[in-house]
C-alpha atoms as a PDB file:
ATOM      1  CA  MET A   1      67.427  15.537  -9.015  1.00  0.00           C
ATOM      2  CA  GLN A   2      64.411  16.944 -10.845  1.00  0.00           C
ATOM      3  CA  ASN A   3      62.188  14.220  -9.384  1.00  0.00           C
ATOM      4  CA  ARG A   4      62.996  15.519  -5.898  1.00  0.00           C
ATOM      5  CA  ILE A   5      62.267  19.196  -6.607  1.00  0.00           C
ATOM      6  CA  ILE A   6      58.469  18.922  -6.733  1.00  0.00           C
ATOM      7  CA  PRO A   7      58.055  16.813  -3.533  1.00  0.00           C
ATOM      8  CA  GLU A   8      60.510  19.037  -1.642  1.00  0.00           C
ATOM      9  CA  THR A   9      58.701  22.159  -2.840  1.00  0.00           C
ATOM     10  CA  VAL A  10      55.332  20.760  -1.770  1.00  0.00           C
ATOM     11  CA  SER A  11      56.793  19.793   1.611  1.00  0.00           C
ATOM     12  CA  PHE A  12      58.262  23.295   2.051  1.00  0.00           C
ATOM     13  CA  VAL A  13      54.936  24.949   1.171  1.00  0.00           C
ATOM     14  CA  ASN A  14      53.022  22.713   3.589  1.00  0.00           C
ATOM     15  CA  ARG A  15      55.555  23.114   6.386  1.00  0.00           C
ATOM     16  CA  TYR A  16      55.387  26.921   6.371  1.00  0.00           C
ATOM     17  CA  LYS A  17      51.745  27.131   5.210  1.00  0.00           C
ATOM     18  CA  LEU A  18      52.696  29.270   2.222  1.00  0.00           C
ATOM     19  CA  TYR A  19      49.455  28.273   0.535  1.00  0.00           C
ATOM     20  CA  HIS A  20      47.791  30.869   2.801  1.00  0.00           C
ATOM     21  CA  LEU A  21      49.825  33.616   1.142  1.00  0.00           C
ATOM     22  CA  LEU A  22      48.956  32.268  -2.291  1.00  0.00           C
ATOM     23  CA  PHE A  23      45.242  32.214  -1.487  1.00  0.00           C
ATOM     24  CA  TRP A  24      45.175  35.771  -0.160  1.00  0.00           C
ATOM     25  CA  ALA A  25      47.294  37.092  -3.024  1.00  0.00           C
ATOM     26  CA  VAL A  26      44.834  35.668  -5.554  1.00  0.00           C
ATOM     27  CA  TYR A  27      41.862  36.868  -3.516  1.00  0.00           C
ATOM     28  CA  ILE A  28      43.266  40.413  -3.203  1.00  0.00           C
ATOM     29  CA  GLY A  29      43.884  40.423  -6.950  1.00  0.00           C
ATOM     30  CA  PHE A  30      40.235  39.509  -7.495  1.00  0.00           C
ATOM     31  CA  TRP A  31      39.030  42.386  -5.292  1.00  0.00           C
ATOM     32  CA  SER A  32      41.452  44.859  -6.887  1.00  0.00           C
ATOM     33  CA  LEU A  33      39.792  44.142 -10.219  1.00  0.00           C
ATOM     34  CA  LEU A  34      36.353  44.397  -8.639  1.00  0.00           C
ATOM     35  CA  LEU A  35      37.049  47.753  -6.914  1.00  0.00           C
ATOM     36  CA  GLN A  36      38.929  49.623  -9.609  1.00  0.00           C
ATOM     37  CA  SER A  37      39.450  53.280  -8.756  1.00  0.00           C
ATOM     38  CA  GLY A  38      40.808  54.369 -12.111  1.00  0.00           C
ATOM     39  CA  ILE A  39      44.043  55.699 -10.551  1.00  0.00           C
ATOM     40  CA  SER A  40      46.450  52.778 -11.131  1.00  0.00           C
ATOM     41  CA  TRP A  41      46.572  49.032 -10.680  1.00  0.00           C
ATOM     42  CA  LYS A  42      49.058  49.481  -7.796  1.00  0.00           C
ATOM     43  CA  ARG A  43      46.623  51.745  -5.995  1.00  0.00           C
ATOM     44  CA  ASP A  44      43.803  49.304  -6.624  1.00  0.00           C
ATOM     45  CA  PHE A  45      45.870  46.410  -5.247  1.00  0.00           C
ATOM     46  CA  LEU A  46      46.762  48.452  -2.140  1.00  0.00           C
ATOM     47  CA  ASN A  47      43.134  49.438  -1.583  1.00  0.00           C
ATOM     48  CA  ALA A  48      42.039  45.797  -1.889  1.00  0.00           C
ATOM     49  CA  THR A  49      44.805  44.754   0.522  1.00  0.00           C
ATOM     50  CA  ILE A  50      43.470  47.139   3.170  1.00  0.00           C
ATOM     51  CA  PHE A  51      39.954  45.781   2.757  1.00  0.00           C
ATOM     52  CA  ILE A  52      40.965  42.123   2.727  1.00  0.00           C
ATOM     53  CA  PHE A  53      43.225  42.542   5.755  1.00  0.00           C
ATOM     54  CA  PHE A  54      40.126  43.028   7.904  1.00  0.00           C
ATOM     55  CA  HIS A  55      38.336  40.230   6.078  1.00  0.00           C
ATOM     56  CA  GLY A  56      41.247  37.972   6.963  1.00  0.00           C
ATOM     57  CA  LEU A  57      41.071  38.882  10.657  1.00  0.00           C
ATOM     58  CA  VAL A  58      37.484  37.677  10.881  1.00  0.00           C
ATOM     59  CA  SER A  59      38.182  34.626   8.690  1.00  0.00           C
ATOM     60  CA  TYR A  60      41.067  33.363  10.820  1.00  0.00           C
ATOM     61  CA  PHE A  61      39.183  34.045  14.051  1.00  0.00           C
ATOM     62  CA  ASN A  62      36.261  32.091  12.622  1.00  0.00           C
ATOM     63  CA  ASN A  63      38.352  29.167  11.301  1.00  0.00           C
ATOM     64  CA  TYR A  64      40.557  28.681  14.350  1.00  0.00           C
ATOM     65  CA  TYR A  65      38.188  29.620  17.168  1.00  0.00           C
ATOM     66  CA  LEU A  66      34.482  29.980  16.349  1.00  0.00           C
ATOM     67  CA  ILE A  67      34.320  26.791  14.266  1.00  0.00           C
ATOM     68  CA  GLU A  68      36.274  24.811  16.876  1.00  0.00           C
ATOM     69  CA  TRP A  69      34.343  26.240  19.814  1.00  0.00           C
ATOM     70  CA  PHE A  70      30.807  26.117  18.454  1.00  0.00           C
ATOM     71  CA  LEU A  71      30.282  24.772  14.911  1.00  0.00           C
ATOM     72  CA  PHE A  72      32.034  21.417  15.388  1.00  0.00           C
ATOM     73  CA  LYS A  73      30.161  21.032  18.688  1.00  0.00           C
ATOM     74  CA  ARG A  74      26.849  21.771  16.919  1.00  0.00           C
ATOM     75  CA  GLN A  75      26.192  24.877  18.982  1.00  0.00           C
ATOM     76  CA  TYR A  76      24.861  26.715  15.957  1.00  0.00           C
ATOM     77  CA  PHE A  77      23.171  29.606  17.784  1.00  0.00           C
ATOM     78  CA  PHE A  78      26.328  30.597  19.626  1.00  0.00           C
ATOM     79  CA  TYR A  79      28.304  30.201  16.413  1.00  0.00           C
ATOM     80  CA  LEU A  80      26.025  32.608  14.507  1.00  0.00           C
ATOM     81  CA  VAL A  81      26.061  35.123  17.370  1.00  0.00           C
ATOM     82  CA  GLY A  82      29.858  34.946  17.596  1.00  0.00           C
ATOM     83  CA  LEU A  83      30.206  35.394  13.833  1.00  0.00           C
ATOM     84  CA  PHE A  84      27.809  38.366  13.789  1.00  0.00           C
ATOM     85  CA  LEU A  85      29.657  40.098  16.618  1.00  0.00           C
ATOM     86  CA  SER A  86      33.062  39.420  15.037  1.00  0.00           C
ATOM     87  CA  ILE A  87      32.060  40.972  11.714  1.00  0.00           C
ATOM     88  CA  SER A  88      30.370  43.927  13.452  1.00  0.00           C
ATOM     89  CA  LEU A  89      33.454  44.684  15.558  1.00  0.00           C
ATOM     90  CA  VAL A  90      35.717  44.721  12.500  1.00  0.00           C
ATOM     91  CA  ILE A  91      33.540  47.021  10.390  1.00  0.00           C
ATOM     92  CA  PHE A  92      34.331  50.158  12.459  1.00  0.00           C
ATOM     93  CA  PRO A  93      38.161  49.936  12.161  1.00  0.00           C
ATOM     94  CA  LEU A  94      37.674  49.016   8.497  1.00  0.00           C
ATOM     95  CA  THR A  95      35.668  52.224   8.026  1.00  0.00           C
ATOM     96  CA  VAL A  96      38.368  54.310   9.723  1.00  0.00           C
ATOM     97  CA  ALA A  97      41.093  52.716   7.574  1.00  0.00           C
ATOM     98  CA  THR A  98      39.025  53.383   4.448  1.00  0.00           C
ATOM     99  CA  TYR A  99      38.551  57.026   5.395  1.00  0.00           C
ATOM    100  CA  ARG A 100      42.229  57.629   6.248  1.00  0.00           C
ATOM    101  CA  TYR A 101      44.215  55.511   3.777  1.00  0.00           C
ATOM    102  CA  ILE A 102      42.098  55.065   0.664  1.00  0.00           C
ATOM    103  CA  PRO A 103      41.880  58.089  -1.642  1.00  0.00           C
ATOM    104  CA  LEU A 104      38.237  58.918  -2.287  1.00  0.00           C
ATOM    105  CA  ILE A 105      36.433  61.606  -4.195  1.00  0.00           C
ATOM    106  CA  ASP A 106      34.178  63.902  -2.164  1.00  0.00           C
ATOM    107  CA  GLU A 107      30.961  62.028  -3.017  1.00  0.00           C
ATOM    108  CA  SER A 108      32.468  58.714  -2.006  1.00  0.00           C
ATOM    109  CA  ALA A 109      33.803  60.143   1.249  1.00  0.00           C
ATOM    110  CA  GLN A 110      30.328  61.282   2.213  1.00  0.00           C
ATOM    111  CA  THR A 111      28.960  57.745   1.897  1.00  0.00           C
ATOM    112  CA  ILE A 112      31.466  56.146   4.304  1.00  0.00           C
ATOM    113  CA  TRP A 113      29.579  56.855   7.522  1.00  0.00           C
ATOM    114  CA  THR A 114      26.209  55.773   6.193  1.00  0.00           C
ATOM    115  CA  PRO A 115      24.252  52.582   7.073  1.00  0.00           C
ATOM    116  CA  ASN A 116      24.615  51.355   3.476  1.00  0.00           C
ATOM    117  CA  PHE A 117      28.425  51.367   3.785  1.00  0.00           C
ATOM    118  CA  PHE A 118      28.242  49.222   6.944  1.00  0.00           C
ATOM    119  CA  ILE A 119      25.711  46.815   5.405  1.00  0.00           C
ATOM    120  CA  TYR A 120      27.712  46.353   2.193  1.00  0.00           C
ATOM    121  CA  ASN A 121      30.944  45.708   4.082  1.00  0.00           C
ATOM    122  CA  PHE A 122      29.168  43.325   6.440  1.00  0.00           C
ATOM    123  CA  LEU A 123      28.017  41.300   3.444  1.00  0.00           C
ATOM    124  CA  PHE A 124      31.458  41.456   1.794  1.00  0.00           C
ATOM    125  CA  ILE A 125      33.151  40.166   4.952  1.00  0.00           C
ATOM    126  CA  LEU A 126      30.467  37.494   5.333  1.00  0.00           C
ATOM    127  CA  PHE A 127      31.182  36.348   1.769  1.00  0.00           C
ATOM    128  CA  THR A 128      34.907  36.007   2.551  1.00  0.00           C
ATOM    129  CA  VAL A 129      34.163  34.132   5.783  1.00  0.00           C
ATOM    130  CA  MET A 130      31.837  31.709   3.971  1.00  0.00           C
ATOM    131  CA  LEU A 131      34.510  31.102   1.328  1.00  0.00           C
ATOM    132  CA  THR A 132      37.285  30.401   3.836  1.00  0.00           C
ATOM    133  CA  THR A 133      34.936  28.298   5.958  1.00  0.00           C
ATOM    134  CA  SER A 134      34.128  26.165   2.913  1.00  0.00           C
ATOM    135  CA  VAL A 135      37.840  25.661   2.261  1.00  0.00           C
ATOM    136  CA  LYS A 136      38.445  24.652   5.884  1.00  0.00           C
ATOM    137  CA  LEU A 137      35.508  22.241   5.998  1.00  0.00           C
ATOM    138  CA  PHE A 138      36.541  20.660   2.695  1.00  0.00           C
ATOM    139  CA  LYS A 139      40.121  20.254   3.953  1.00  0.00           C
ATOM    140  CA  ASN A 140      38.888  18.628   7.176  1.00  0.00           C
ATOM    141  CA  TRP A 141      36.623  16.293   5.204  1.00  0.00           C
ATOM    142  CA  TYR A 142      39.475  15.329   2.864  1.00  0.00           C
ATOM    143  CA  LEU A 143      41.889  14.652   5.735  1.00  0.00           C
ATOM    144  CA  ASN A 144      39.265  12.567   7.541  1.00  0.00           C
ATOM    145  CA  GLU A 145      38.632  10.565   4.376  1.00  0.00           C
ATOM    146  CA  GLN A 146      42.356   9.909   3.949  1.00  0.00           C
ATOM    147  CA  THR A 147      42.659   8.894   7.588  1.00  0.00           C
ATOM    148  CA  ASN A 148      39.674   6.546   7.284  1.00  0.00           C
ATOM    149  CA  LYS A 149      41.164   4.971   4.153  1.00  0.00           C
ATOM    150  CA  ILE A 150      44.474   4.391   5.926  1.00  0.00           C
ATOM    151  CA  LEU A 151      42.712   2.868   8.935  1.00  0.00           C
ATOM    152  CA  GLU A 152      40.554   0.716   6.671  1.00  0.00           C
ATOM    153  CA  LYS A 153      43.640  -0.484   4.796  1.00  0.00           C
ATOM    154  CA  LEU A 154      45.409  -1.309   8.061  1.00  0.00           C
ATOM    155  CA  ASN A 155      42.328  -3.173   9.313  1.00  0.00           C
ATOM    156  CA  VAL A 156      42.078  -5.156   6.077  1.00  0.00           C
ATOM    157  CA  GLU A 157      45.795  -6.011   6.142  1.00  0.00           C
ATOM    158  CA  SER A 158      45.532  -7.076   9.792  1.00  0.00           C
ATOM    159  CA  GLU A 159      42.495  -9.225   9.071  1.00  0.00           C
ATOM    160  CA  LEU A 160      44.174 -10.862   6.065  1.00  0.00           C
ATOM    161  CA  LYS A 161      47.281 -11.621   8.122  1.00  0.00           C
ATOM    162  CA  PHE A 162      45.067 -13.138  10.806  1.00  0.00           C
ATOM    163  CA  LEU A 163      43.241 -15.269   8.247  1.00  0.00           C
ATOM    164  CA  LYS A 164      46.500 -16.488   6.716  1.00  0.00           C
ATOM    165  CA  ALA A 165      47.778 -17.348  10.175  1.00  0.00           C
ATOM    166  CA  GLN A 166      44.711 -19.551  10.537  1.00  0.00           C
ATOM    167  CA  ILE A 167      45.069 -21.145   7.108  1.00  0.00           C
ATOM    168  CA  ASN A 168      48.686 -22.270   7.437  1.00  0.00           C
ATOM    169  CA  PRO A 169      48.328 -24.273  10.709  1.00  0.00           C
ATOM    170  CA  HIS A 170      45.065 -25.756   9.419  1.00  0.00           C
ATOM    171  CA  PHE A 171      46.766 -26.983   6.246  1.00  0.00           C
ATOM    172  CA  LEU A 172      49.848 -28.226   8.107  1.00  0.00           C
ATOM    173  CA  PHE A 173      47.719 -30.121  10.610  1.00  0.00           C
ATOM    174  CA  ASN A 174      45.972 -32.134   7.884  1.00  0.00           C
ATOM    175  CA  ASN A 175      49.190 -33.134   6.147  1.00  0.00           C
ATOM    176  CA  LEU A 176      51.050 -34.049   9.321  1.00  0.00           C
ATOM    177  CA  ASN A 177      48.218 -36.460  10.060  1.00  0.00           C
ATOM    178  CA  ASN A 178      48.839 -38.079   6.677  1.00  0.00           C
ATOM    179  CA  LEU A 179      52.557 -38.372   7.365  1.00  0.00           C
ATOM    180  CA  TYR A 180      51.882 -39.774  10.823  1.00  0.00           C
ATOM    181  CA  ALA A 181      49.666 -42.502   9.386  1.00  0.00           C
ATOM    182  CA  LEU A 182      52.344 -43.543   6.867  1.00  0.00           C
ATOM    183  CA  THR A 183      55.119 -43.636   9.455  1.00  0.00           C
ATOM    184  CA  LEU A 184      52.998 -45.907  11.667  1.00  0.00           C
ATOM    185  CA  LYS A 185      52.808 -48.331   8.746  1.00  0.00           C
ATOM    186  CA  GLN A 186      56.562 -47.893   8.130  1.00  0.00           C
ATOM    187  CA  SER A 187      55.652 -47.177   4.546  1.00  0.00           C
ATOM    188  CA  GLU A 188      58.360 -46.621   1.912  1.00  0.00           C
ATOM    189  CA  LEU A 189      56.289 -43.671   0.736  1.00  0.00           C
ATOM    190  CA  ALA A 190      57.122 -41.647   3.851  1.00  0.00           C
ATOM    191  CA  PRO A 191      60.317 -40.035   2.387  1.00  0.00           C
ATOM    192  CA  ASP A 192      58.371 -38.868  -0.678  1.00  0.00           C
ATOM    193  CA  VAL A 193      55.729 -37.412   1.598  1.00  0.00           C
ATOM    194  CA  VAL A 194      58.401 -35.510   3.542  1.00  0.00           C
ATOM    195  CA  LEU A 195      59.837 -34.104   0.283  1.00  0.00           C
ATOM    196  CA  LYS A 196      56.447 -32.985  -1.038  1.00  0.00           C
ATOM    197  CA  LEU A 197      55.491 -31.579   2.330  1.00  0.00           C
ATOM    198  CA  SER A 198      58.721 -29.574   2.478  1.00  0.00           C
ATOM    199  CA  ASN A 199      57.884 -28.021  -0.914  1.00  0.00           C
ATOM    200  CA  ILE A 200      54.403 -27.197   0.307  1.00  0.00           C
ATOM    201  CA  LEU A 201      55.688 -25.683   3.541  1.00  0.00           C
ATOM    202  CA  ARG A 202      58.222 -23.612   1.622  1.00  0.00           C
ATOM    203  CA  PHE A 203      55.361 -22.132  -0.364  1.00  0.00           C
ATOM    204  CA  GLY A 204      53.344 -21.599   2.798  1.00  0.00           C
ATOM    205  CA  LEU A 205      56.134 -19.982   4.797  1.00  0.00           C
ATOM    206  CA  TYR A 206      57.546 -17.679   2.125  1.00  0.00           C
ATOM    207  CA  ASP A 207      55.144 -17.112  -0.748  1.00  0.00           C
ATOM    208  CA  SER A 208      52.089 -16.828   1.488  1.00  0.00           C
ATOM    209  CA  GLN A 209      53.625 -13.670   2.988  1.00  0.00           C
ATOM    210  CA  LYS A 210      53.330 -11.972  -0.382  1.00  0.00           C
ATOM    211  CA  GLN A 211      50.172 -10.155  -1.373  1.00  0.00           C
ATOM    212  CA  GLN A 212      50.071 -12.083  -4.646  1.00  0.00           C
ATOM    213  CA  VAL A 213      51.925 -14.959  -6.284  1.00  0.00           C
ATOM    214  CA  SER A 214      52.002 -16.060  -9.902  1.00  0.00           C
ATOM    215  CA  ILE A 215      49.254 -18.489 -10.762  1.00  0.00           C
ATOM    216  CA  ASP A 216      51.959 -20.869 -12.068  1.00  0.00           C
ATOM    217  CA  ASP A 217      53.409 -21.073  -8.543  1.00  0.00           C
ATOM    218  CA  ASP A 218      49.946 -21.635  -7.132  1.00  0.00           C
ATOM    219  CA  ILE A 219      49.323 -24.472  -9.604  1.00  0.00           C
ATOM    220  CA  ARG A 220      52.685 -26.089  -8.760  1.00  0.00           C
ATOM    221  CA  PHE A 221      51.724 -25.871  -5.093  1.00  0.00           C
ATOM    222  CA  VAL A 222      48.422 -27.641  -5.874  1.00  0.00           C
ATOM    223  CA  GLN A 223      50.274 -30.275  -7.911  1.00  0.00           C
ATOM    224  CA  ASP A 224      52.545 -31.041  -4.951  1.00  0.00           C
ATOM    225  CA  TYR A 225      49.523 -31.301  -2.721  1.00  0.00           C
ATOM    226  CA  ILE A 226      47.782 -33.670  -5.155  1.00  0.00           C
ATOM    227  CA  GLU A 227      50.868 -35.879  -5.495  1.00  0.00           C
ATOM    228  CA  LEU A 228      51.133 -36.019  -1.728  1.00  0.00           C
ATOM    229  CA  GLU A 229      47.500 -37.108  -1.480  1.00  0.00           C
ATOM    230  CA  MET A 230      47.980 -39.659  -4.287  1.00  0.00           C
ATOM    231  CA  LEU A 231      50.788 -41.265  -2.306  1.00  0.00           C
ATOM    232  CA  ARG A 232      48.303 -41.771   0.492  1.00  0.00           C
ATOM    233  CA  LEU A 233      45.306 -42.843  -1.627  1.00  0.00           C
ATOM    234  CA  GLY A 234      47.006 -44.952  -4.283  1.00  0.00           C
ATOM    235  CA  GLU A 235      44.838 -45.879  -7.264  1.00  0.00           C
ATOM    236  CA  ARG A 236      41.515 -45.709  -5.444  1.00  0.00           C
ATOM    237  CA  THR A 237      40.974 -42.107  -6.502  1.00  0.00           C
ATOM    238  CA  GLU A 238      41.160 -40.755 -10.050  1.00  0.00           C
ATOM    239  CA  ILE A 239      42.546 -37.230  -9.963  1.00  0.00           C
ATOM    240  CA  GLU A 240      42.491 -34.872 -12.931  1.00  0.00           C
ATOM    241  CA  LEU A 241      44.120 -31.426 -13.035  1.00  0.00           C
ATOM    242  CA  THR A 242      43.467 -29.217 -16.074  1.00  0.00           C
ATOM    243  CA  VAL A 243      44.783 -25.755 -16.901  1.00  0.00           C
ATOM    244  CA  GLU A 244      43.240 -23.770 -19.756  1.00  0.00           C
ATOM    245  CA  GLY A 245      44.436 -20.410 -21.033  1.00  0.00           C
ATOM    246  CA  GLU A 246      47.652 -18.406 -20.820  1.00  0.00           C
ATOM    247  CA  THR A 247      49.077 -18.276 -17.287  1.00  0.00           C
ATOM    248  CA  MET A 248      52.049 -16.000 -17.976  1.00  0.00           C
ATOM    249  CA  GLY A 249      51.771 -12.720 -16.072  1.00  0.00           C
ATOM    250  CA  VAL A 250      48.678 -13.777 -14.100  1.00  0.00           C
ATOM    251  CA  PHE A 251      48.805 -13.336 -10.329  1.00  0.00           C
ATOM    252  CA  ILE A 252      46.545 -14.518  -7.545  1.00  0.00           C
ATOM    253  CA  GLU A 253      46.417 -14.309  -3.757  1.00  0.00           C
ATOM    254  CA  PRO A 254      48.098 -17.322  -2.106  1.00  0.00           C
ATOM    255  CA  PHE A 255      46.029 -20.073  -0.474  1.00  0.00           C
ATOM    256  CA  LEU A 256      42.849 -18.970  -2.220  1.00  0.00           C
ATOM    257  CA  PHE A 257      41.907 -22.328  -3.787  1.00  0.00           C
ATOM    258  CA  ILE A 258      43.556 -24.934  -1.601  1.00  0.00           C
ATOM    259  CA  ASN A 259      40.721 -25.137   0.935  1.00  0.00           C
ATOM    260  CA  PHE A 260      38.251 -26.166  -1.751  1.00  0.00           C
ATOM    261  CA  ILE A 261      40.684 -28.883  -2.849  1.00  0.00           C
ATOM    262  CA  GLU A 262      41.195 -30.031   0.730  1.00  0.00           C
ATOM    263  CA  ASN A 263      37.438 -30.257   1.129  1.00  0.00           C
ATOM    264  CA  ALA A 264      37.171 -32.364  -2.032  1.00  0.00           C
ATOM    265  CA  PHE A 265      39.772 -34.855  -0.774  1.00  0.00           C
ATOM    266  CA  LYS A 266      38.205 -34.951   2.661  1.00  0.00           C
ATOM    267  CA  HIS A 267      34.691 -35.815   1.451  1.00  0.00           C
ATOM    268  CA  GLY A 268      35.269 -37.353  -1.975  1.00  0.00           C
ATOM    269  CA  ALA A 269      38.391 -39.451  -1.542  1.00  0.00           C
ATOM    270  CA  ASN A 270      37.979 -41.324   1.680  1.00  0.00           C
ATOM    271  CA  PRO A 271      40.159 -44.468   1.323  1.00  0.00           C
ATOM    272  CA  THR A 272      37.510 -46.617   3.046  1.00  0.00           C
ATOM    273  CA  LEU A 273      34.827 -45.828   0.443  1.00  0.00           C
ATOM    274  CA  GLY A 274      36.295 -47.414  -2.687  1.00  0.00           C
ATOM    275  CA  LYS A 275      36.580 -45.753  -6.094  1.00  0.00           C
ATOM    276  CA  SER A 276      36.194 -41.974  -6.352  1.00  0.00           C
ATOM    277  CA  TYR A 277      37.283 -39.066  -8.502  1.00  0.00           C
ATOM    278  CA  ILE A 278      38.344 -35.431  -8.156  1.00  0.00           C
ATOM    279  CA  LYS A 279      38.531 -33.017 -11.092  1.00  0.00           C
ATOM    280  CA  ILE A 280      40.295 -29.679 -10.718  1.00  0.00           C
ATOM    281  CA  LYS A 281      40.264 -27.087 -13.462  1.00  0.00           C
ATOM    282  CA  TYR A 282      41.855 -23.636 -13.889  1.00  0.00           C
ATOM    283  CA  SER A 283      40.490 -21.468 -16.707  1.00  0.00           C
ATOM    284  CA  ILE A 284      42.332 -18.209 -17.378  1.00  0.00           C
ATOM    285  CA  ASP A 285      40.841 -15.612 -19.708  1.00  0.00           C
ATOM    286  CA  LYS A 286      43.364 -12.767 -19.925  1.00  0.00           C
ATOM    287  CA  SER A 287      41.244 -10.821 -22.424  1.00  0.00           C
ATOM    288  CA  ASN A 288      38.494 -10.445 -19.819  1.00  0.00           C
ATOM    289  CA  ASN A 289      40.839 -10.460 -16.786  1.00  0.00           C
ATOM    290  CA  GLU A 290      38.924 -13.437 -15.428  1.00  0.00           C
ATOM    291  CA  ILE A 291      39.989 -16.588 -13.609  1.00  0.00           C
ATOM    292  CA  VAL A 292      37.596 -19.499 -13.148  1.00  0.00           C
ATOM    293  CA  PHE A 293      38.500 -22.228 -10.675  1.00  0.00           C
ATOM    294  CA  LYS A 294      36.388 -25.368 -10.547  1.00  0.00           C
ATOM    295  CA  VAL A 295      36.634 -28.527  -8.486  1.00  0.00           C
ATOM    296  CA  ILE A 296      34.319 -31.532  -8.731  1.00  0.00           C
ATOM    297  CA  ASN A 297      34.461 -34.530  -6.428  1.00  0.00           C
ATOM    298  CA  SER A 298      32.404 -37.702  -6.318  1.00  0.00           C
ATOM    299  CA  LYS A 299      30.171 -38.661  -3.453  1.00  0.00           C
ATOM    300  CA  PRO A 300      30.489 -42.431  -2.844  1.00  0.00           C
ATOM    301  CA  ASP A 301      27.282 -44.336  -2.228  1.00  0.00           C
ATOM    302  CA  LYS A 302      28.280 -45.261   1.281  1.00  0.00           C
ATOM    303  CA  LEU A 303      28.519 -41.580   2.102  1.00  0.00           C
ATOM    304  CA  ASN A 304      24.986 -40.812   0.918  1.00  0.00           C
ATOM    305  CA  GLY A 305      22.546 -40.966   3.790  1.00  0.00           C
ATOM    306  CA  LEU A 306      25.295 -41.117   6.412  1.00  0.00           C
ATOM    307  CA  GLU A 307      26.586 -37.553   6.216  1.00  0.00           C
ATOM    308  CA  LYS A 308      26.470 -34.611   3.861  1.00  0.00           C
ATOM    309  CA  GLN A 309      29.385 -32.630   2.606  1.00  0.00           C
ATOM    310  CA  LYS A 310      29.107 -29.122   4.013  1.00  0.00           C
ATOM    311  CA  VAL A 311      30.862 -25.848   3.440  1.00  0.00           C
ATOM    312  CA  GLY A 312      32.224 -25.233   6.885  1.00  0.00           C
ATOM    313  CA  GLY A 313      35.270 -25.295   9.072  1.00  0.00           C
ATOM    314  CA  ILE A 314      37.943 -22.707   9.536  1.00  0.00           C
ATOM    315  CA  GLY A 315      39.484 -23.058   6.064  1.00  0.00           C
ATOM    316  CA  LEU A 316      36.429 -22.490   3.857  1.00  0.00           C
ATOM    317  CA  LYS A 317      35.017 -19.739   6.043  1.00  0.00           C
ATOM    318  CA  ASN A 318      38.345 -17.949   5.798  1.00  0.00           C
ATOM    319  CA  VAL A 319      38.298 -18.201   2.003  1.00  0.00           C
ATOM    320  CA  GLN A 320      34.859 -16.625   1.877  1.00  0.00           C
ATOM    321  CA  THR A 321      35.977 -13.826   4.195  1.00  0.00           C
ATOM    322  CA  ARG A 322      39.119 -13.203   2.135  1.00  0.00           C
ATOM    323  CA  LEU A 323      37.077 -13.104  -1.071  1.00  0.00           C
ATOM    324  CA  ASN A 324      34.812 -10.438   0.397  1.00  0.00           C
ATOM    325  CA  ILE A 325      37.863  -8.357   1.327  1.00  0.00           C
ATOM    326  CA  LEU A 326      40.037  -8.906  -1.743  1.00  0.00           C
ATOM    327  CA  TYR A 327      37.359  -9.150  -4.436  1.00  0.00           C
ATOM    328  CA  PRO A 328      34.377  -7.066  -3.320  1.00  0.00           C
ATOM    329  CA  ASN A 329      31.709  -7.321  -6.025  1.00  0.00           C
ATOM    330  CA  ARG A 330      34.319  -9.014  -8.254  1.00  0.00           C
ATOM    331  CA  HIS A 331      33.836 -12.671  -7.384  1.00  0.00           C
ATOM    332  CA  GLU A 332      31.146 -15.278  -7.776  1.00  0.00           C
ATOM    333  CA  LEU A 333      31.171 -18.474  -5.729  1.00  0.00           C
ATOM    334  CA  LYS A 334      28.784 -21.277  -6.705  1.00  0.00           C
ATOM    335  CA  ILE A 335      28.477 -24.456  -4.662  1.00  0.00           C
ATOM    336  CA  ALA A 336      26.270 -27.291  -5.927  1.00  0.00           C
ATOM    337  CA  ASP A 337      25.470 -30.403  -3.924  1.00  0.00           C
ATOM    338  CA  GLU A 338      24.305 -32.917  -6.544  1.00  0.00           C
ATOM    339  CA  SER A 339      23.095 -36.449  -5.914  1.00  0.00           C
ATOM    340  CA  ASN A 340      26.392 -38.095  -6.843  1.00  0.00           C
ATOM    341  CA  GLU A 341      28.948 -35.289  -6.877  1.00  0.00           C
ATOM    342  CA  TYR A 342      29.870 -32.008  -5.277  1.00  0.00           C
ATOM    343  CA  ILE A 343      30.787 -28.962  -7.441  1.00  0.00           C
ATOM    344  CA  VAL A 344      32.517 -25.728  -6.462  1.00  0.00           C
ATOM    345  CA  GLU A 345      33.046 -22.972  -9.008  1.00  0.00           C
ATOM    346  CA  LEU A 346      34.768 -19.700  -8.226  1.00  0.00           C
ATOM    347  CA  LYS A 347      34.978 -16.832 -10.705  1.00  0.00           C
ATOM    348  CA  LEU A 348      37.377 -13.979 -10.040  1.00  0.00           C
ATOM    349  CA  LYS A 349      37.458 -10.697 -11.906  1.00  0.00           C
ATOM    350  CA  GLN A 350      40.957  -9.229 -11.853  1.00  0.00           C
ATOM    351  CA  GLN A 351      41.409  -5.463 -11.738  1.00  0.00           C
END
């Protein structure tokens, strides 16, 4: 019940713009202290209310008309002329109200119709207008910033959803090719491939919709992928998966590492090129909120001189784009193309 009182109160104040009354009440109180007559605080507050009433007329006319008509359109000359005329037109009725409703001693009454009285009140009104204009401009800036942040968030979410939509079919396409090859051979390994692929697809269809998954789930997903590839490659490729550090309570975006692993199998474990190896390592440092992912794959001799392993294709480009969105200035991607092996190292700094 108490948790609802504050939001409902804020909503009520915003709906009926009661913050205007609060502002003017505080502002009148300030002027009542500034223009003390020595009669009573009630009289001082009433005198200040009469003065500020005319200040408010110019302020609202400026905020809702002059600023909209001229200032926001960068017609500064017309804005200054309109503001000068508005203040000048209000000073005369303000002078009459001062003469008729504010008790003054004889010396003070004699100064009302003098140029100094008009100049002072012009400057006082100008001060109030500048204050209220600053409040309006700050409010507009704040609302624009909030709107831009919302739009930026929506754009980022849309782009991430688009990238994930590209990643899933890309991953599925590669594995269906593997299954197709095994079924052509009528291999007994086909049922195991279907089982592993179903686990992988379950992760892709459900967990990939989440913003983050536990790193344990991500590692299990990689293990299923590796076992599926091992069924296809047999003993020709030595595969090593290492996990260092405490994984409990660590979360990561789904499908962030798999494209690097796919690339390693594509270029470093071709079944026609003989012996090869792939080493995958997760290093989790919870004290520094850092995750280091590293994958190393061999480059068989027959591959050297024929083609070079490149960072390209839809999958890897998507990973780089996602890293720039999800980890701006908080990731470091190193790719080394050595003479006999290919190394990818990705460091992520968690928030």
